[in-house]
Amino acid sequence: MIFINSIILMGALGLVFGTFLAFAAKKFEVKEDPRLTKIMEALPGVNCGACGYPGCEAFAKAVLKGDAPHDGCLPGKRQGVPDKIKNILEE
């Protein structure tokens, strides 16, 4: 009898905690700017650090904040990345 009660108790606790975690995940969800993914797609993705940031994602976030110029990606200049980023920011 103790074994069955233990299983029922653990199942109920799992259900309660799982429901709480699902609610908390939805309540405290961090909204990401949709322009970030567009800028990441425009960048060459070499993560070289030539822009002064540790990777392309950090550079894209800095451009969105206004901390970095849109033409800071040196490897992407020949591919027209600055113009693509400028168009994304103007949307």
PDB file of N, CA and C in Angstrom:
ATOM      1  N   MET A   1       0.817  -1.193   0.000  1.00  0.00           N
ATOM      2  CA  MET A   1       0.000   0.000   0.000  1.00  0.00           C
ATOM      3  C   MET A   1       0.865   1.263   0.000  1.00  0.00           C
ATOM      4  N   ILE A   2       1.962   1.259   0.735  1.00  0.00           N
ATOM      5  CA  ILE A   2       2.855   2.412   0.780  1.00  0.00           C
ATOM      6  C   ILE A   2       3.464   2.660  -0.602  1.00  0.00           C
ATOM      7  N   PHE A   3       3.759   1.589  -1.312  1.00  0.00           N
ATOM      8  CA  PHE A   3       4.356   1.695  -2.636  1.00  0.00           C
ATOM      9  C   PHE A   3       3.390   2.410  -3.593  1.00  0.00           C
ATOM     10  N   ILE A   4       2.130   2.076  -3.576  1.00  0.00           N
ATOM     11  CA  ILE A   4       1.141   2.691  -4.463  1.00  0.00           C
ATOM     12  C   ILE A   4       0.932   4.160  -4.091  1.00  0.00           C
ATOM     13  N   ASN A   5       0.862   4.451  -2.800  1.00  0.00           N
ATOM     14  CA  ASN A   5       0.711   5.839  -2.363  1.00  0.00           C
ATOM     15  C   ASN A   5       1.911   6.681  -2.781  1.00  0.00           C
ATOM     16  N   SER A   6       3.095   6.122  -2.723  1.00  0.00           N
ATOM     17  CA  SER A   6       4.305   6.834  -3.139  1.00  0.00           C
ATOM     18  C   SER A   6       4.266   7.161  -4.625  1.00  0.00           C
ATOM     19  N   ILE A   7       3.823   6.208  -5.413  1.00  0.00           N
ATOM     20  CA  ILE A   7       3.727   6.428  -6.863  1.00  0.00           C
ATOM     21  C   ILE A   7       2.700   7.513  -7.172  1.00  0.00           C
ATOM     22  N   ILE A   8       1.560   7.472  -6.506  1.00  0.00           N
ATOM     23  CA  ILE A   8       0.522   8.482  -6.726  1.00  0.00           C
ATOM     24  C   ILE A   8       1.028   9.867  -6.302  1.00  0.00           C
ATOM     25  N   LEU A   9       1.695   9.945  -5.168  1.00  0.00           N
ATOM     26  CA  LEU A   9       2.230  11.219  -4.686  1.00  0.00           C
ATOM     27  C   LEU A   9       3.276  11.780  -5.644  1.00  0.00           C
ATOM     28  N   MET A  10       4.194  10.940  -6.108  1.00  0.00           N
ATOM     29  CA  MET A  10       5.239  11.409  -7.033  1.00  0.00           C
ATOM     30  C   MET A  10       4.619  11.848  -8.363  1.00  0.00           C
ATOM     31  N   GLY A  11       3.613  11.134  -8.837  1.00  0.00           N
ATOM     32  CA  GLY A  11       2.933  11.529 -10.078  1.00  0.00           C
ATOM     33  C   GLY A  11       2.237  12.868  -9.931  1.00  0.00           C
ATOM     34  N   ALA A  12       1.565  13.072  -8.802  1.00  0.00           N
ATOM     35  CA  ALA A  12       0.876  14.338  -8.566  1.00  0.00           C
ATOM     36  C   ALA A  12       1.875  15.488  -8.458  1.00  0.00           C
ATOM     37  N   LEU A  13       2.974  15.269  -7.738  1.00  0.00           N
ATOM     38  CA  LEU A  13       4.000  16.312  -7.625  1.00  0.00           C
ATOM     39  C   LEU A  13       4.605  16.642  -8.992  1.00  0.00           C
ATOM     40  N   GLY A  14       4.850  15.625  -9.800  1.00  0.00           N
ATOM     41  CA  GLY A  14       5.387  15.846 -11.143  1.00  0.00           C
ATOM     42  C   GLY A  14       4.440  16.657 -12.008  1.00  0.00           C
ATOM     43  N   LEU A  15       3.151  16.358 -11.893  1.00  0.00           N
ATOM     44  CA  LEU A  15       2.155  17.103 -12.662  1.00  0.00           C
ATOM     45  C   LEU A  15       2.082  18.562 -12.210  1.00  0.00           C
ATOM     46  N   VAL A  16       2.081  18.792 -10.913  1.00  0.00           N
ATOM     47  CA  VAL A  16       2.010  20.159 -10.381  1.00  0.00           C
ATOM     48  C   VAL A  16       3.250  20.953 -10.772  1.00  0.00           C
ATOM     49  N   PHE A  17       4.428  20.381 -10.567  1.00  0.00           N
ATOM     50  CA  PHE A  17       5.656  21.103 -10.896  1.00  0.00           C
ATOM     51  C   PHE A  17       5.803  21.308 -12.406  1.00  0.00           C
ATOM     52  N   GLY A  18       5.405  20.339 -13.197  1.00  0.00           N
ATOM     53  CA  GLY A  18       5.457  20.479 -14.649  1.00  0.00           C
ATOM     54  C   GLY A  18       4.542  21.589 -15.140  1.00  0.00           C
ATOM     55  N   THR A  19       3.354  21.662 -14.569  1.00  0.00           N
ATOM     56  CA  THR A  19       2.419  22.734 -14.927  1.00  0.00           C
ATOM     57  C   THR A  19       2.981  24.097 -14.531  1.00  0.00           C
ATOM     58  N   PHE A  20       3.571  24.174 -13.340  1.00  0.00           N
ATOM     59  CA  PHE A  20       4.177  25.426 -12.891  1.00  0.00           C
ATOM     60  C   PHE A  20       5.314  25.849 -13.813  1.00  0.00           C
ATOM     61  N   LEU A  21       6.174  24.914 -14.205  1.00  0.00           N
ATOM     62  CA  LEU A  21       7.295  25.245 -15.079  1.00  0.00           C
ATOM     63  C   LEU A  21       6.819  25.693 -16.458  1.00  0.00           C
ATOM     64  N   ALA A  22       5.775  25.071 -16.971  1.00  0.00           N
ATOM     65  CA  ALA A  22       5.231  25.480 -18.268  1.00  0.00           C
ATOM     66  C   ALA A  22       4.666  26.899 -18.187  1.00  0.00           C
ATOM     67  N   PHE A  23       3.949  27.199 -17.100  1.00  0.00           N
ATOM     68  CA  PHE A  23       3.408  28.540 -16.911  1.00  0.00           C
ATOM     69  C   PHE A  23       4.534  29.570 -16.782  1.00  0.00           C
ATOM     70  N   ALA A  24       5.552  29.256 -15.982  1.00  0.00           N
ATOM     71  CA  ALA A  24       6.663  30.189 -15.764  1.00  0.00           C
ATOM     72  C   ALA A  24       7.434  30.433 -17.060  1.00  0.00           C
ATOM     73  N   ALA A  25       7.616  29.400 -17.860  1.00  0.00           N
ATOM     74  CA  ALA A  25       8.340  29.560 -19.122  1.00  0.00           C
ATOM     75  C   ALA A  25       7.586  30.486 -20.068  1.00  0.00           C
ATOM     76  N   LYS A  26       6.270  30.373 -20.085  1.00  0.00           N
ATOM     77  CA  LYS A  26       5.472  31.235 -20.955  1.00  0.00           C
ATOM     78  C   LYS A  26       5.398  32.668 -20.408  1.00  0.00           C
ATOM     79  N   LYS A  27       5.286  32.797 -19.094  1.00  0.00           N
ATOM     80  CA  LYS A  27       5.162  34.114 -18.464  1.00  0.00           C
ATOM     81  C   LYS A  27       6.437  34.938 -18.614  1.00  0.00           C
ATOM     82  N   PHE A  28       7.594  34.307 -18.452  1.00  0.00           N
ATOM     83  CA  PHE A  28       8.874  35.015 -18.471  1.00  0.00           C
ATOM     84  C   PHE A  28       9.626  34.828 -19.782  1.00  0.00           C
ATOM     85  N   GLU A  29       8.914  34.536 -20.844  1.00  0.00           N
ATOM     86  CA  GLU A  29       9.525  34.341 -22.152  1.00  0.00           C
ATOM     87  C   GLU A  29      10.162  35.646 -22.627  1.00  0.00           C
ATOM     88  N   VAL A  30      11.358  35.540 -23.178  1.00  0.00           N
ATOM     89  CA  VAL A  30      12.074  36.712 -23.674  1.00  0.00           C
ATOM     90  C   VAL A  30      11.752  36.871 -25.160  1.00  0.00           C
ATOM     91  N   LYS A  31      11.206  38.012 -25.501  1.00  0.00           N
ATOM     92  CA  LYS A  31      10.869  38.295 -26.901  1.00  0.00           C
ATOM     93  C   LYS A  31      12.133  38.752 -27.625  1.00  0.00           C
ATOM     94  N   GLU A  32      12.380  38.164 -28.785  1.00  0.00           N
ATOM     95  CA  GLU A  32      13.556  38.513 -29.567  1.00  0.00           C
ATOM     96  C   GLU A  32      13.131  39.344 -30.766  1.00  0.00           C
ATOM     97  N   ASP A  33      13.916  40.325 -31.081  1.00  0.00           N
ATOM     98  CA  ASP A  33      13.636  41.196 -32.217  1.00  0.00           C
ATOM     99  C   ASP A  33      13.724  40.378 -33.508  1.00  0.00           C
ATOM    100  N   PRO A  34      12.683  40.395 -34.346  1.00  0.00           N
ATOM    101  CA  PRO A  34      12.730  39.592 -35.586  1.00  0.00           C
ATOM    102  C   PRO A  34      13.788  40.073 -36.571  1.00  0.00           C
ATOM    103  N   ARG A  35      14.223  41.313 -36.414  1.00  0.00           N
ATOM    104  CA  ARG A  35      15.271  41.814 -37.310  1.00  0.00           C
ATOM    105  C   ARG A  35      16.618  41.143 -37.044  1.00  0.00           C
ATOM    106  N   LEU A  36      16.790  40.598 -35.821  1.00  0.00           N
ATOM    107  CA  LEU A  36      18.057  39.948 -35.480  1.00  0.00           C
ATOM    108  C   LEU A  36      18.309  38.747 -36.390  1.00  0.00           C
ATOM    109  N   THR A  37      17.294  37.944 -36.619  1.00  0.00           N
ATOM    110  CA  THR A  37      17.480  36.775 -37.489  1.00  0.00           C
ATOM    111  C   THR A  37      17.749  37.194 -38.927  1.00  0.00           C
ATOM    112  N   LYS A  38      17.108  38.276 -39.371  1.00  0.00           N
ATOM    113  CA  LYS A  38      17.356  38.757 -40.736  1.00  0.00           C
ATOM    114  C   LYS A  38      18.791  39.251 -40.885  1.00  0.00           C
ATOM    115  N   ILE A  39      19.285  39.966 -39.877  1.00  0.00           N
ATOM    116  CA  ILE A  39      20.668  40.450 -39.931  1.00  0.00           C
ATOM    117  C   ILE A  39      21.634  39.275 -39.879  1.00  0.00           C
ATOM    118  N   MET A  40      21.336  38.280 -39.046  1.00  0.00           N
ATOM    119  CA  MET A  40      22.199  37.097 -38.956  1.00  0.00           C
ATOM    120  C   MET A  40      22.260  36.367 -40.301  1.00  0.00           C
ATOM    121  N   GLU A  41      21.138  36.315 -41.025  1.00  0.00           N
ATOM    122  CA  GLU A  41      21.130  35.670 -42.339  1.00  0.00           C
ATOM    123  C   GLU A  41      21.931  36.471 -43.359  1.00  0.00           C
ATOM    124  N   ALA A  42      21.955  37.800 -43.209  1.00  0.00           N
ATOM    125  CA  ALA A  42      22.693  38.642 -44.147  1.00  0.00           C
ATOM    126  C   ALA A  42      24.199  38.571 -43.915  1.00  0.00           C
ATOM    127  N   LEU A  43      24.609  38.330 -42.677  1.00  0.00           N
ATOM    128  CA  LEU A  43      26.040  38.273 -42.366  1.00  0.00           C
ATOM    129  C   LEU A  43      26.661  36.991 -42.929  1.00  0.00           C
ATOM    130  N   PRO A  44      27.982  37.031 -43.225  1.00  0.00           N
ATOM    131  CA  PRO A  44      28.612  35.843 -43.802  1.00  0.00           C
ATOM    132  C   PRO A  44      28.718  34.666 -42.832  1.00  0.00           C
ATOM    133  N   GLY A  45      28.696  34.923 -41.529  1.00  0.00           N
ATOM    134  CA  GLY A  45      28.716  33.833 -40.554  1.00  0.00           C
ATOM    135  C   GLY A  45      30.085  33.233 -40.300  1.00  0.00           C
ATOM    136  N   VAL A  46      31.141  33.983 -40.525  1.00  0.00           N
ATOM    137  CA  VAL A  46      32.481  33.438 -40.309  1.00  0.00           C
ATOM    138  C   VAL A  46      32.966  33.608 -38.873  1.00  0.00           C
ATOM    139  N   ASN A  47      32.276  34.448 -38.086  1.00  0.00           N
ATOM    140  CA  ASN A  47      32.631  34.662 -36.677  1.00  0.00           C
ATOM    141  C   ASN A  47      34.113  34.987 -36.495  1.00  0.00           C
ATOM    142  N   CYS A  48      34.616  35.879 -37.325  1.00  0.00           N
ATOM    143  CA  CYS A  48      36.054  36.165 -37.335  1.00  0.00           C
ATOM    144  C   CYS A  48      36.465  37.171 -36.264  1.00  0.00           C
ATOM    145  N   GLY A  49      35.555  38.043 -35.850  1.00  0.00           N
ATOM    146  CA  GLY A  49      35.886  39.058 -34.863  1.00  0.00           C
ATOM    147  C   GLY A  49      36.506  40.309 -35.448  1.00  0.00           C
ATOM    148  N   ALA A  50      36.551  40.441 -36.759  1.00  0.00           N
ATOM    149  CA  ALA A  50      37.149  41.613 -37.390  1.00  0.00           C
ATOM    150  C   ALA A  50      36.345  42.882 -37.118  1.00  0.00           C
ATOM    151  N   CYS A  51      35.084  42.727 -36.746  1.00  0.00           N
ATOM    152  CA  CYS A  51      34.225  43.873 -36.444  1.00  0.00           C
ATOM    153  C   CYS A  51      34.450  44.397 -35.032  1.00  0.00           C
ATOM    154  N   GLY A  52      35.164  43.628 -34.213  1.00  0.00           N
ATOM    155  CA  GLY A  52      35.403  44.027 -32.838  1.00  0.00           C
ATOM    156  C   GLY A  52      34.492  43.329 -31.843  1.00  0.00           C
ATOM    157  N   TYR A  53      33.674  42.422 -32.317  1.00  0.00           N
ATOM    158  CA  TYR A  53      32.762  41.658 -31.463  1.00  0.00           C
ATOM    159  C   TYR A  53      33.115  40.173 -31.566  1.00  0.00           C
ATOM    160  N   PRO A  54      32.802  39.391 -30.551  1.00  0.00           N
ATOM    161  CA  PRO A  54      33.248  37.998 -30.528  1.00  0.00           C
ATOM    162  C   PRO A  54      32.615  37.092 -31.578  1.00  0.00           C
ATOM    163  N   GLY A  55      31.591  37.528 -32.252  1.00  0.00           N
ATOM    164  CA  GLY A  55      30.972  36.702 -33.282  1.00  0.00           C
ATOM    165  C   GLY A  55      29.919  37.496 -34.027  1.00  0.00           C
ATOM    166  N   CYS A  56      29.342  36.865 -35.032  1.00  0.00           N
ATOM    167  CA  CYS A  56      28.357  37.555 -35.856  1.00  0.00           C
ATOM    168  C   CYS A  56      27.088  37.897 -35.070  1.00  0.00           C
ATOM    169  N   GLU A  57      26.690  37.027 -34.157  1.00  0.00           N
ATOM    170  CA  GLU A  57      25.481  37.307 -33.378  1.00  0.00           C
ATOM    171  C   GLU A  57      25.684  38.514 -32.465  1.00  0.00           C
ATOM    172  N   ALA A  58      26.843  38.619 -31.840  1.00  0.00           N
ATOM    173  CA  ALA A  58      27.125  39.768 -30.978  1.00  0.00           C
ATOM    174  C   ALA A  58      27.166  41.056 -31.807  1.00  0.00           C
ATOM    175  N   PHE A  59      27.718  40.976 -32.994  1.00  0.00           N
ATOM    176  CA  PHE A  59      27.746  42.146 -33.879  1.00  0.00           C
ATOM    177  C   PHE A  59      26.334  42.550 -34.283  1.00  0.00           C
ATOM    178  N   ALA A  60      25.491  41.572 -34.623  1.00  0.00           N
ATOM    179  CA  ALA A  60      24.117  41.865 -35.026  1.00  0.00           C
ATOM    180  C   ALA A  60      23.335  42.514 -33.874  1.00  0.00           C
ATOM    181  N   LYS A  61      23.536  42.020 -32.656  1.00  0.00           N
ATOM    182  CA  LYS A  61      22.857  42.615 -31.500  1.00  0.00           C
ATOM    183  C   LYS A  61      23.349  44.043 -31.266  1.00  0.00           C
ATOM    184  N   ALA A  62      24.635  44.283 -31.456  1.00  0.00           N
ATOM    185  CA  ALA A  62      25.184  45.627 -31.276  1.00  0.00           C
ATOM    186  C   ALA A  62      24.650  46.581 -32.336  1.00  0.00           C
ATOM    187  N   VAL A  63      24.476  46.098 -33.554  1.00  0.00           N
ATOM    188  CA  VAL A  63      23.923  46.944 -34.616  1.00  0.00           C
ATOM    189  C   VAL A  63      22.485  47.321 -34.273  1.00  0.00           C
ATOM    190  N   LEU A  64      21.720  46.374 -33.769  1.00  0.00           N
ATOM    191  CA  LEU A  64      20.335  46.667 -33.397  1.00  0.00           C
ATOM    192  C   LEU A  64      20.247  47.673 -32.251  1.00  0.00           C
ATOM    193  N   LYS A  65      21.174  47.580 -31.307  1.00  0.00           N
ATOM    194  CA  LYS A  65      21.188  48.533 -30.192  1.00  0.00           C
ATOM    195  C   LYS A  65      21.677  49.908 -30.631  1.00  0.00           C
ATOM    196  N   GLY A  66      22.415  49.960 -31.728  1.00  0.00           N
ATOM    197  CA  GLY A  66      22.997  51.215 -32.178  1.00  0.00           C
ATOM    198  C   GLY A  66      24.412  51.406 -31.688  1.00  0.00           C
ATOM    199  N   ASP A  67      25.014  50.364 -31.117  1.00  0.00           N
ATOM    200  CA  ASP A  67      26.378  50.456 -30.604  1.00  0.00           C
ATOM    201  C   ASP A  67      27.437  50.226 -31.680  1.00  0.00           C
ATOM    202  N   ALA A  68      27.048  49.644 -32.794  1.00  0.00           N
ATOM    203  CA  ALA A  68      27.999  49.345 -33.860  1.00  0.00           C
ATOM    204  C   ALA A  68      27.447  49.884 -35.179  1.00  0.00           C
ATOM    205  N   PRO A  69      28.331  50.321 -36.078  1.00  0.00           N
ATOM    206  CA  PRO A  69      27.859  50.795 -37.387  1.00  0.00           C
ATOM    207  C   PRO A  69      27.405  49.622 -38.248  1.00  0.00           C
ATOM    208  N   HIS A  70      26.491  49.876 -39.157  1.00  0.00           N
ATOM    209  CA  HIS A  70      25.977  48.798 -40.001  1.00  0.00           C
ATOM    210  C   HIS A  70      27.014  48.293 -41.005  1.00  0.00           C
ATOM    211  N   ASP A  71      28.074  49.046 -41.216  1.00  0.00           N
ATOM    212  CA  ASP A  71      29.114  48.613 -42.154  1.00  0.00           C
ATOM    213  C   ASP A  71      30.362  48.089 -41.438  1.00  0.00           C
ATOM    214  N   GLY A  72      30.200  47.575 -40.235  1.00  0.00           N
ATOM    215  CA  GLY A  72      31.338  47.109 -39.447  1.00  0.00           C
ATOM    216  C   GLY A  72      31.839  45.726 -39.809  1.00  0.00           C
ATOM    217  N   CYS A  73      31.082  44.972 -40.595  1.00  0.00           N
ATOM    218  CA  CYS A  73      31.495  43.613 -40.971  1.00  0.00           C
ATOM    219  C   CYS A  73      32.466  43.698 -42.149  1.00  0.00           C
ATOM    220  N   LEU A  74      33.749  43.487 -41.871  1.00  0.00           N
ATOM    221  CA  LEU A  74      34.762  43.612 -42.922  1.00  0.00           C
ATOM    222  C   LEU A  74      34.693  42.504 -43.974  1.00  0.00           C
ATOM    223  N   PRO A  75      34.527  41.214 -43.591  1.00  0.00           N
ATOM    224  CA  PRO A  75      34.463  40.182 -44.630  1.00  0.00           C
ATOM    225  C   PRO A  75      33.220  40.284 -45.509  1.00  0.00           C
ATOM    226  N   GLY A  76      32.171  40.918 -45.016  1.00  0.00           N
ATOM    227  CA  GLY A  76      30.933  40.995 -45.776  1.00  0.00           C
ATOM    228  C   GLY A  76      30.806  42.207 -46.674  1.00  0.00           C
ATOM    229  N   LYS A  77      31.785  43.091 -46.667  1.00  0.00           N
ATOM    230  CA  LYS A  77      31.682  44.313 -47.476  1.00  0.00           C
ATOM    231  C   LYS A  77      31.630  44.005 -48.965  1.00  0.00           C
ATOM    232  N   ARG A  78      32.380  43.022 -49.407  1.00  0.00           N
ATOM    233  CA  ARG A  78      32.384  42.676 -50.836  1.00  0.00           C
ATOM    234  C   ARG A  78      31.072  42.017 -51.258  1.00  0.00           C
ATOM    235  N   GLN A  79      30.384  41.402 -50.303  1.00  0.00           N
ATOM    236  CA  GLN A  79      29.124  40.703 -50.598  1.00  0.00           C
ATOM    237  C   GLN A  79      27.918  41.635 -50.480  1.00  0.00           C
ATOM    238  N   GLY A  80      28.135  42.880 -50.105  1.00  0.00           N
ATOM    239  CA  GLY A  80      27.044  43.831 -49.990  1.00  0.00           C
ATOM    240  C   GLY A  80      26.287  43.758 -48.677  1.00  0.00           C
ATOM    241  N   VAL A  81      26.928  43.228 -47.647  1.00  0.00           N
ATOM    242  CA  VAL A  81      26.280  43.081 -46.341  1.00  0.00           C
ATOM    243  C   VAL A  81      25.876  44.422 -45.735  1.00  0.00           C
ATOM    244  N   PRO A  82      26.701  45.477 -45.818  1.00  0.00           N
ATOM    245  CA  PRO A  82      26.270  46.750 -45.227  1.00  0.00           C
ATOM    246  C   PRO A  82      24.960  47.282 -45.806  1.00  0.00           C
ATOM    247  N   ASP A  83      24.780  47.122 -47.113  1.00  0.00           N
ATOM    248  CA  ASP A  83      23.534  47.579 -47.738  1.00  0.00           C
ATOM    249  C   ASP A  83      22.347  46.734 -47.286  1.00  0.00           C
ATOM    250  N   LYS A  84      22.556  45.430 -47.156  1.00  0.00           N
ATOM    251  CA  LYS A  84      21.483  44.548 -46.680  1.00  0.00           C
ATOM    252  C   LYS A  84      21.074  44.903 -45.257  1.00  0.00           C
ATOM    253  N   ILE A  85      22.066  45.148 -44.415  1.00  0.00           N
ATOM    254  CA  ILE A  85      21.775  45.493 -43.011  1.00  0.00           C
ATOM    255  C   ILE A  85      21.059  46.843 -42.955  1.00  0.00           C
ATOM    256  N   LYS A  86      21.498  47.784 -43.759  1.00  0.00           N
ATOM    257  CA  LYS A  86      20.854  49.104 -43.775  1.00  0.00           C
ATOM    258  C   LYS A  86      19.393  48.983 -44.194  1.00  0.00           C
ATOM    259  N   ASN A  87      19.124  48.143 -45.193  1.00  0.00           N
ATOM    260  CA  ASN A  87      17.738  47.939 -45.633  1.00  0.00           C
ATOM    261  C   ASN A  87      16.897  47.282 -44.538  1.00  0.00           C
ATOM    262  N   ILE A  88      17.478  46.343 -43.813  1.00  0.00           N
ATOM    263  CA  ILE A  88      16.760  45.661 -42.724  1.00  0.00           C
ATOM    264  C   ILE A  88      16.437  46.658 -41.618  1.00  0.00           C
ATOM    265  N   LEU A  89      17.377  47.523 -41.295  1.00  0.00           N
ATOM    266  CA  LEU A  89      17.158  48.493 -40.234  1.00  0.00           C
ATOM    267  C   LEU A  89      16.125  49.550 -40.619  1.00  0.00           C
ATOM    268  N   GLU A  90      15.996  49.836 -41.897  1.00  0.00           N
ATOM    269  CA  GLU A  90      15.035  50.839 -42.351  1.00  0.00           C
ATOM    270  C   GLU A  90      13.616  50.292 -42.474  1.00  0.00           C
ATOM    271  N   GLU A  91      13.448  48.991 -42.424  1.00  0.00           N
ATOM    272  CA  GLU A  91      12.109  48.386 -42.547  1.00  0.00           C
ATOM    273  C   GLU A  91      11.219  48.759 -41.408  1.00  0.00           C
TER     274      GLU A  91
END
